[in-house]
Protein backbone atom coordinates (compact mmCIF):
# COMPACT_ATOMS: atom_id res chain seq x y z
CA MET A 1 120.54 129.20 76.42
CA ASP A 2 121.23 125.61 77.23
CA ILE A 3 118.10 123.33 79.22
CA ILE A 4 120.09 123.55 82.38
CA LEU A 5 119.28 127.48 82.87
CA PRO A 6 115.71 127.33 82.15
CA ILE A 7 115.33 124.70 85.04
CA ARG A 8 117.56 126.91 87.29
CA ILE A 9 115.27 129.90 86.73
CA ALA A 10 112.34 127.49 87.19
CA ALA A 11 113.31 126.27 90.64
CA ARG A 12 114.29 129.58 91.69
CA ALA A 13 110.76 131.22 90.90
CA LEU A 14 108.85 128.28 92.59
CA ARG A 15 110.87 128.58 95.90
CA VAL A 16 109.70 132.22 96.05
CA ASN A 17 106.32 130.94 96.45
CA LEU A 18 106.40 127.85 98.30
CA MET A 19 102.89 127.64 99.71
CA ARG A 20 101.67 128.45 96.22
CA SER A 21 103.89 126.13 94.34
CA PHE A 22 102.76 123.41 97.00
CA LEU A 23 98.85 123.95 96.67
CA THR A 24 99.30 124.01 92.78
CA MET A 25 101.20 120.70 92.83
CA LEU A 26 98.61 119.18 95.44
CA GLY A 27 96.18 118.12 92.11
CA ILE A 28 99.03 115.90 90.84
CA MET A 29 99.70 114.67 93.77
CA ILE A 30 96.43 113.59 94.80
CA GLY A 31 95.92 112.70 90.90
CA ILE A 32 99.36 110.27 90.77
CA GLY A 33 98.42 108.73 94.18
CA ALA A 34 94.85 107.81 93.12
CA VAL A 35 96.18 106.55 89.82
CA ILE A 36 98.74 104.38 91.60
CA VAL A 37 96.38 103.30 94.32
CA MET A 38 93.25 102.27 92.12
CA VAL A 39 95.10 100.24 89.57
CA ALA A 40 96.89 98.78 92.33
CA VAL A 41 93.44 97.46 93.69
CA GLY A 42 92.41 96.41 90.24
CA SER A 43 95.63 94.51 89.69
CA GLY A 44 95.19 92.83 92.67
CA ALA A 45 92.03 91.64 92.01
CA THR A 46 92.76 90.37 88.72
CA LYS A 47 95.40 88.64 90.11
CA GLN A 48 93.41 86.96 93.22
CA ILE A 49 90.89 86.07 90.75
CA SER A 50 93.76 84.44 88.38
CA ASP A 51 95.07 82.44 91.23
CA GLN A 52 91.37 81.24 92.28
CA ILE A 53 91.15 80.02 88.81
CA ALA A 54 94.04 78.27 88.91
CA THR A 55 93.30 76.27 91.88
CA MET A 56 90.39 75.28 90.15
CA GLY A 57 92.14 73.25 87.35
CA SER A 58 91.91 73.90 83.97
CA ASN A 59 89.99 72.64 80.70
CA LEU A 60 86.90 71.71 83.10
CA LEU A 61 83.44 71.10 82.40
CA LEU A 62 80.36 70.35 84.98
CA ILE A 63 77.58 68.32 84.22
CA LEU A 64 74.51 68.78 86.37
CA PRO A 65 71.80 66.58 87.26
CA GLY A 66 68.48 67.59 86.03
CA SER A 67 65.79 69.34 87.65
CA THR A 68 61.83 68.84 88.91
CA THR A 69 58.99 70.14 87.69
CA SER A 70 55.68 70.07 90.06
CA SER A 71 52.66 71.93 89.40
CA GLY A 72 54.54 74.44 86.76
CA VAL A 73 57.17 74.93 89.15
CA HIS A 74 60.87 74.32 88.62
CA ALA A 75 63.20 73.27 91.40
CA GLY A 76 66.54 74.26 89.39
CA MET A 77 69.20 71.93 88.31
CA GLY A 78 70.69 69.12 90.56
CA SER A 79 66.87 68.77 92.07
CA GLN A 80 66.61 65.58 90.22
CA PRO A 81 68.94 62.40 90.31
CA THR A 82 69.32 62.06 86.30
CA LEU A 83 73.00 61.12 86.26
CA THR A 84 74.19 57.72 87.19
CA ILE A 85 77.31 55.70 87.92
CA GLU A 86 76.77 54.02 84.57
CA ASP A 87 76.74 57.54 82.66
CA VAL A 88 80.10 58.24 84.26
CA LYS A 89 81.66 55.12 82.83
CA ALA A 90 80.23 55.51 79.75
CA ILE A 91 81.85 59.31 79.08
CA ARG A 92 85.08 57.75 80.36
CA SER A 93 85.23 55.07 77.77
CA GLU A 94 83.28 56.65 75.01
CA CYS A 95 84.52 60.27 74.99
CA PRO A 96 87.73 60.45 73.25
CA SER A 97 87.98 64.35 74.22
CA VAL A 98 87.59 63.60 78.07
CA LEU A 99 91.21 63.11 79.90
CA ARG A 100 89.63 62.52 83.13
CA ILE A 101 85.79 62.54 85.30
CA ALA A 102 85.14 62.74 88.56
CA PRO A 103 81.75 62.46 90.52
CA GLU A 104 80.67 64.26 93.58
CA LEU A 105 78.41 63.53 96.54
CA ARG A 106 78.35 65.86 99.09
CA GLY A 107 77.01 66.57 102.30
CA THR A 108 78.05 67.82 105.91
CA ALA A 109 79.20 66.02 109.15
CA GLN A 110 81.00 66.28 112.44
CA LEU A 111 84.54 64.90 112.69
CA VAL A 112 85.72 63.87 115.95
CA ALA A 113 89.66 63.21 116.99
CA GLY A 114 90.50 62.87 120.36
CA ASN A 115 88.98 65.57 122.24
CA MET A 116 88.86 67.96 119.26
CA ASN A 117 85.48 68.10 116.87
CA TRP A 118 85.01 70.03 113.73
CA SER A 119 81.85 70.20 111.49
CA THR A 120 82.83 70.53 107.60
CA GLU A 121 82.03 69.52 104.06
CA LEU A 122 82.42 65.86 102.86
CA THR A 123 82.80 64.83 99.14
CA GLY A 124 82.45 61.65 98.31
CA THR A 125 84.43 61.20 94.99
CA THR A 126 87.11 59.30 92.72
CA PRO A 127 91.17 59.56 92.48
CA ASP A 128 90.58 61.75 89.58
CA LEU A 129 89.08 64.58 91.30
CA LEU A 130 92.60 65.45 92.95
CA GLN A 131 94.29 65.08 89.37
CA ILE A 132 91.22 67.68 87.77
CA ARG A 133 91.62 70.26 90.53
CA GLU A 134 95.49 69.94 90.01
CA TRP A 135 95.63 69.37 94.28
CA LYS A 136 98.79 68.24 95.44
CA LEU A 137 99.44 66.08 98.74
CA ALA A 138 101.06 67.40 101.75
CA SER A 139 101.78 64.07 103.01
CA GLY A 140 100.41 60.63 102.62
CA ARG A 141 98.76 58.77 99.61
CA GLU A 142 96.28 59.77 96.91
CA MET A 143 92.91 58.19 96.84
CA THR A 144 92.94 54.64 94.68
CA SER A 145 90.32 52.83 92.45
CA SER A 146 90.91 50.17 94.87
CA ASP A 147 89.33 52.49 97.60
CA VAL A 148 86.47 52.87 95.81
CA ASP A 149 85.70 49.38 94.36
CA THR A 150 85.82 48.14 97.92
CA ALA A 151 84.26 51.08 99.75
CA GLN A 152 87.18 51.39 102.05
CA LYS A 153 86.89 53.73 105.28
CA VAL A 154 89.87 56.28 104.33
CA CYS A 155 89.68 59.93 103.84
CA LEU A 156 91.86 62.90 103.06
CA LEU A 157 91.97 66.32 104.99
CA GLY A 158 92.19 69.55 103.59
CA GLN A 159 94.81 72.05 105.84
CA THR A 160 91.85 73.82 107.70
CA VAL A 161 90.06 70.39 108.99
CA ALA A 162 93.58 68.97 109.50
CA THR A 163 94.81 72.49 111.83
CA ASN A 164 91.25 72.35 113.90
CA LEU A 165 91.61 68.28 114.93
CA TYR A 166 95.41 67.71 114.91
CA GLY A 167 96.72 71.17 115.33
CA ASP A 168 100.57 71.27 113.94
CA GLU A 169 100.52 67.37 113.85
CA ASP A 170 100.44 65.56 110.48
CA PRO A 171 97.28 63.87 110.65
CA THR A 172 98.34 60.89 107.94
CA GLY A 173 97.98 57.56 109.74
CA LYS A 174 95.69 58.73 112.54
CA GLN A 175 91.89 58.12 112.81
CA VAL A 176 88.95 60.21 112.68
CA ARG A 177 85.58 59.41 113.30
CA ILE A 178 82.96 60.63 110.88
CA LYS A 179 79.35 60.75 112.15
CA GLY A 180 80.97 57.89 114.74
CA VAL A 181 82.11 55.46 111.80
CA PRO A 182 86.30 55.45 112.35
CA PHE A 183 88.07 56.47 109.06
CA LEU A 184 91.84 56.39 108.49
CA VAL A 185 93.39 59.59 107.36
CA ILE A 186 95.47 58.72 104.19
CA GLY A 187 96.98 62.13 103.38
CA LEU A 188 96.90 65.79 103.97
CA LEU A 189 96.21 68.28 101.11
CA GLN A 190 98.24 70.98 100.36
CA ALA A 191 96.49 74.50 100.92
CA LYS A 192 94.63 75.85 98.34
CA GLY A 193 93.03 79.10 99.84
CA ARG A 194 89.81 80.65 99.11
CA SER A 195 88.19 79.84 95.76
CA ALA A 196 86.38 82.59 93.12
CA GLN A 197 83.43 82.50 95.57
CA GLY A 198 85.11 83.26 98.78
CA THR A 199 84.85 79.81 100.49
CA ASP A 200 87.49 77.98 101.91
CA GLN A 201 88.88 75.39 99.47
CA ASP A 202 90.90 73.96 102.65
CA ASP A 203 87.42 73.29 104.96
CA ALA A 204 86.98 69.82 103.31
CA VAL A 205 87.15 66.25 103.50
CA PHE A 206 87.30 63.64 100.60
CA LEU A 207 86.46 60.07 100.64
CA PRO A 208 85.63 57.23 98.48
CA PHE A 209 82.44 57.88 96.29
CA SER A 210 81.11 54.19 97.57
CA THR A 211 82.06 54.70 100.90
CA ALA A 212 79.92 58.09 101.27
CA GLN A 213 77.36 56.80 99.73
CA ARG A 214 76.92 53.72 101.64
CA LYS A 215 78.36 54.44 104.89
CA ILE A 216 78.10 58.29 105.65
CA LEU A 217 75.95 60.41 103.53
CA GLY A 218 73.54 58.12 102.14
CA ASN A 219 71.78 57.95 98.85
CA PRO A 220 68.13 57.69 98.57
CA PHE A 221 68.49 56.86 94.43
CA PRO A 222 71.35 54.37 94.36
CA GLY A 223 73.50 54.43 91.28
CA THR A 224 72.89 57.87 90.80
CA VAL A 225 75.48 61.10 91.12
CA GLY A 226 75.47 64.43 91.94
CA PRO A 227 77.36 67.58 90.04
CA THR A 228 80.67 65.90 87.90
CA LEU A 229 83.86 67.18 87.15
CA VAL A 230 84.93 66.26 83.83
CA GLN A 231 88.61 67.49 82.10
CA ALA A 232 89.24 68.00 78.83
CA ILE A 233 92.43 66.58 77.21
CA ASP A 234 93.25 70.23 76.46
CA GLU A 235 91.78 73.90 76.04
CA SER A 236 91.15 73.09 72.33
CA ARG A 237 89.43 70.25 72.66
CA ILE A 238 87.08 71.96 75.35
CA ASP A 239 84.13 72.41 73.14
CA GLN A 240 84.44 69.03 71.50
CA ALA A 241 84.31 66.99 74.72
CA GLN A 242 81.22 69.03 75.51
CA THR A 243 79.79 68.29 72.10
CA GLU A 244 80.82 64.25 72.54
CA ILE A 245 79.31 64.48 76.46
CA THR A 246 75.92 66.01 75.21
CA ALA A 247 75.40 63.40 72.18
CA LEU A 248 76.11 60.92 74.28
CA LEU A 249 73.79 61.86 76.99
CA ASP A 250 71.35 62.66 74.62
CA GLN A 251 71.22 59.01 73.40
CA ARG A 252 71.32 57.36 76.99
CA HIS A 253 68.68 59.38 78.38
CA HIS A 254 66.46 58.87 75.51
CA MET A 255 66.72 62.81 74.78
CA SER A 256 64.40 64.34 71.59
CA ALA A 257 64.26 67.97 69.85
CA THR A 258 60.54 68.03 71.80
CA LYS A 259 62.15 66.93 75.08
CA ASP A 260 64.07 69.18 77.77
CA ARG A 261 67.17 67.77 78.37
CA ASP A 262 67.19 66.17 82.20
CA TYR A 263 70.81 67.39 82.51
CA ASN A 264 73.25 70.15 81.87
CA VAL A 265 76.49 70.76 80.72
CA ARG A 266 78.52 73.87 81.51
CA ASN A 267 81.67 75.18 80.85
CA LEU A 268 83.83 76.54 83.38
CA SER A 269 86.90 77.82 81.95
CA GLU A 270 84.43 80.33 80.19
CA ILE A 271 82.28 81.42 83.43
CA LEU A 272 85.89 81.77 85.30
CA ALA A 273 87.10 83.88 82.30
CA VAL A 274 84.07 85.95 82.30
CA SER A 275 84.96 86.80 86.08
CA GLN A 276 88.43 87.60 85.10
CA GLN A 277 87.78 89.75 82.04
CA SER A 278 85.38 91.61 84.71
CA ALA A 279 88.01 92.18 87.20
CA LYS A 280 90.33 93.71 84.44
CA THR A 281 87.43 95.93 83.21
CA MET A 282 86.90 96.82 86.92
CA SER A 283 90.66 98.03 86.86
CA VAL A 284 90.26 100.10 83.99
CA LEU A 285 87.40 101.70 85.27
CA LEU A 286 88.98 102.70 88.71
CA GLY A 287 92.42 104.02 86.68
CA ALA A 288 90.03 105.77 84.62
CA VAL A 289 87.82 107.52 87.49
CA ALA A 290 91.32 108.36 89.07
CA SER A 291 92.60 109.77 86.11
CA ILE A 292 90.13 112.97 86.24
CA SER A 293 91.93 114.08 89.24
CA LEU A 294 94.92 114.82 87.21
CA LEU A 295 93.12 116.36 84.69
CA VAL A 296 91.86 118.84 87.33
CA GLY A 297 95.39 119.23 88.83
CA GLY A 298 96.43 120.09 85.09
CA ILE A 299 93.84 122.85 84.97
CA GLY A 300 95.15 123.90 88.26
CA ILE A 301 98.84 124.25 86.97
CA MET A 302 97.46 126.13 84.14
CA ASN A 303 95.60 128.56 86.03
CA ILE A 304 98.53 129.55 88.62
CA MET A 305 101.04 129.84 85.44
CA LEU A 306 98.44 132.26 83.77
CA VAL A 307 98.77 134.12 87.10
CA SER A 308 102.44 134.22 87.21
CA VAL A 309 102.56 135.06 83.76
CA THR A 310 100.30 138.22 84.86
CA GLU A 311 102.55 139.08 87.96
CA ARG A 312 105.76 138.81 86.15
CA THR A 313 104.71 140.64 83.13
CA ARG A 314 107.38 143.57 83.87
CA GLU A 315 110.30 140.88 84.53
CA ILE A 316 109.30 139.17 81.25
CA GLY A 317 109.72 142.72 79.49
CA ILE A 318 113.27 143.30 80.98
CA ARG A 319 114.15 140.12 79.92
CA ILE A 320 113.31 140.45 76.48
CA ALA A 321 114.62 144.08 76.33
CA ILE A 322 118.04 142.84 77.14
CA GLY A 323 118.16 140.11 74.54
CA ALA A 324 115.97 137.06 75.40
CA LYS A 325 114.35 135.39 72.48
CA GLU A 326 110.58 134.13 72.48
CA ARG A 327 111.87 130.75 72.88
CA ASP A 328 114.07 131.41 75.70
CA ILE A 329 110.86 133.06 77.63
CA LEU A 330 108.39 129.94 76.31
CA LEU A 331 111.20 127.52 77.57
CA GLN A 332 111.71 129.40 81.11
CA PHE A 333 107.67 129.03 81.69
CA LEU A 334 107.41 125.72 80.14
CA ALA A 335 110.12 124.61 82.23
CA GLU A 336 108.27 125.71 85.73
CA ALA A 337 105.36 123.98 84.74
CA VAL A 338 107.07 120.60 83.95
CA LEU A 339 108.83 121.04 87.04
CA LEU A 340 105.51 121.27 89.32
CA THR A 341 103.99 118.39 87.65
CA MET A 342 107.08 116.07 87.84
CA LEU A 343 107.69 117.07 91.82
CA GLY A 344 103.94 116.73 92.17
CA GLY A 345 104.09 113.01 90.46
CA VAL A 346 107.04 111.84 92.58
CA ILE A 347 105.23 112.56 95.51
CA GLY A 348 102.15 111.36 94.22
CA ILE A 349 104.15 108.20 93.59
CA ILE A 350 105.39 108.07 97.35
CA LEU A 351 101.70 108.38 98.27
CA GLY A 352 100.32 105.85 96.19
CA VAL A 353 102.45 103.34 96.75
CA THR A 354 102.04 103.91 100.56
CA GLY A 355 98.42 104.27 100.15
CA ALA A 356 98.60 100.86 98.22
CA LEU A 357 100.02 99.51 101.14
CA LEU A 358 97.98 100.51 103.99
CA VAL A 359 94.79 99.28 102.17
CA SER A 360 96.30 96.09 101.80
CA HIS A 361 97.40 95.97 105.43
CA PHE A 362 94.21 97.33 107.24
CA LEU A 363 91.43 96.56 104.70
CA GLY A 364 92.66 93.31 103.81
CA TRP A 365 92.31 93.56 100.10
CA ALA A 366 94.63 92.08 97.35
CA THR A 367 96.62 94.89 96.00
CA LEU A 368 99.35 94.58 93.22
CA ILE A 369 101.69 97.76 92.68
CA SER A 370 102.41 97.82 88.94
CA GLY A 371 105.79 99.52 87.70
CA GLN A 372 104.36 99.80 84.43
CA ALA A 373 101.26 101.74 86.39
CA ILE A 374 104.16 103.97 88.03
CA VAL A 375 106.08 105.03 84.86
CA LEU A 376 102.53 105.79 83.29
CA ALA A 377 101.66 107.91 85.93
CA VAL A 378 104.85 109.93 85.59
CA ALA A 379 104.59 110.21 81.79
CA PHE A 380 101.20 111.54 82.02
CA SER A 381 101.87 113.84 84.79
CA SER A 382 104.87 115.35 82.50
CA ALA A 383 102.44 115.12 79.92
CA ILE A 384 99.93 117.47 81.69
CA GLY A 385 102.78 119.75 82.34
CA ILE A 386 103.70 120.33 79.02
CA PHE A 387 99.98 120.44 77.61
CA PHE A 388 98.54 122.82 80.63
CA GLY A 389 101.61 124.83 80.52
CA PHE A 390 102.13 125.45 76.80
CA TYR A 391 99.33 128.01 76.92
CA PRO A 392 100.57 130.20 79.64
CA ALA A 393 104.18 129.95 78.48
CA ARG A 394 103.09 130.75 74.95
CA LYS A 395 101.10 133.95 76.21
CA ALA A 396 104.39 135.14 78.08
CA ALA A 397 106.36 134.48 75.30
CA ALA A 398 104.25 136.62 72.71
CA LEU A 399 104.16 139.44 75.08
CA ASN A 400 105.32 142.96 73.57
CA PRO A 401 108.18 144.21 75.24
CA ILE A 402 107.33 147.73 75.31
CA ASP A 403 103.76 146.72 76.69
CA ALA A 404 105.56 144.72 79.25
CA LEU A 405 107.76 147.21 80.59
CA ARG A 406 104.79 149.72 80.70
CA TYR A 407 103.03 147.06 82.91
CA GLU A 408 102.27 148.13 86.39
C-alpha cells in the first residue's frame, strides 16, 4: 500500500468526527502556539538586552571612588572623593592596555531655550566618553580637549532633550541656558534608546568636565572625579587593563595588604554578559514550560486514538479479512495521529505568530519570532504524533481478525 492511501483514509476518518478531531488537536494547537509565543518573548528580551549592551560600548571597566565609614556605618562606593584628575592622567599614560579613559561629574539642572524648559541629567566629561560609548553625532561637532582645557561653555544634547527644547529643529549652533548660564549647543547626538536598567539614555546633556566643575555643578573637593569609564584596547586585554589600573592606583593611593582599597574597579563586560545569559536562560525556561502543554496534547491524542481503535474494531477485522496486512493497519492509524498533530501544529503556528504580534503591540514587550522555533515546533508536533500514536496503531494492527469480526 503506498503512502497516499493511508493519508486519504486518515483524512476521511477525521472528517467523520470533526468535533472530536478538533478537540483532539486543541492541546497541540495551544502547545505549539504557547511555545512560539514564549520563545518569541524570551528571544525578544535577549535581543533587547544585546542591543542595550551594544549602546554601552565594548571592553569597558568602571572605576568607582571609595566609601566613607563613620561609627562603623559604610556609606557605599562613591561616597568618598578618592579619585583625582591626576589619577586619570596617570592611568591614561602609564597603563598600556588602556585605550581611552573618561571621568564623569554628574548632576541635574534646568535647561531653558526660548519659552521652553526641561530638567535633565548633566554629565561633565572629556572627549573620550563619546568614543567609549560609541555614540555618534547626528549633527554638529564633538567636544575637544581644548574645550575641556579652557572650560568652554559648550554642550552636546541628547535627542530627548533636543526634542523637548527645540521640537523638530536642529539645535546645533543655538543657545541654551543651564542654571541661568548661556551655553552654545555644538552638537546633537544620535538616538541611543533605553539602557539595560531601563533609563532613557537620550535624556542627557554632556559638557566639558572643567566647565561642569567650575561653573555649573561645582565640586566641594577640587581636583577629584566621580565614576570613571575605561576602555581596554580589545576584549582580550580587559583583565590585563584591570590588573594594571589596580596596581597603579594601589601605588598612588599607598594601599597595603592590611588596608581596604579606597576605590573599586569593575568589569562591565562581565556584568552585562551575566544579564544577557539570564535572559537566554529565561527564554529556555519559558519554552520548556510551554512545551508541557505539548506533552498534554500528545497524551490526549493517544487517548482519542485508543477510543478510535475500540470503536473501529469490527472495521479493522474486515480489512484484515480481505487481505490488509499488519503493516497497513499500523500505517493507517499512525497516519491519523500524525495528521492530527500536523494540522494542530499548523493552526498552532498561526496562533503563536498572531499571539506574539499581539503581545508586542498591546503590552509593548519586545518579541522576536524565530523561524527555527517554528520549524522545531512542527518537528516536535510530528514526533509527538508518531510517539503517542504508535501504541494505539500497534494495538490495532495486533488485533486478531476473528475476535475483531466478532466484536460488537
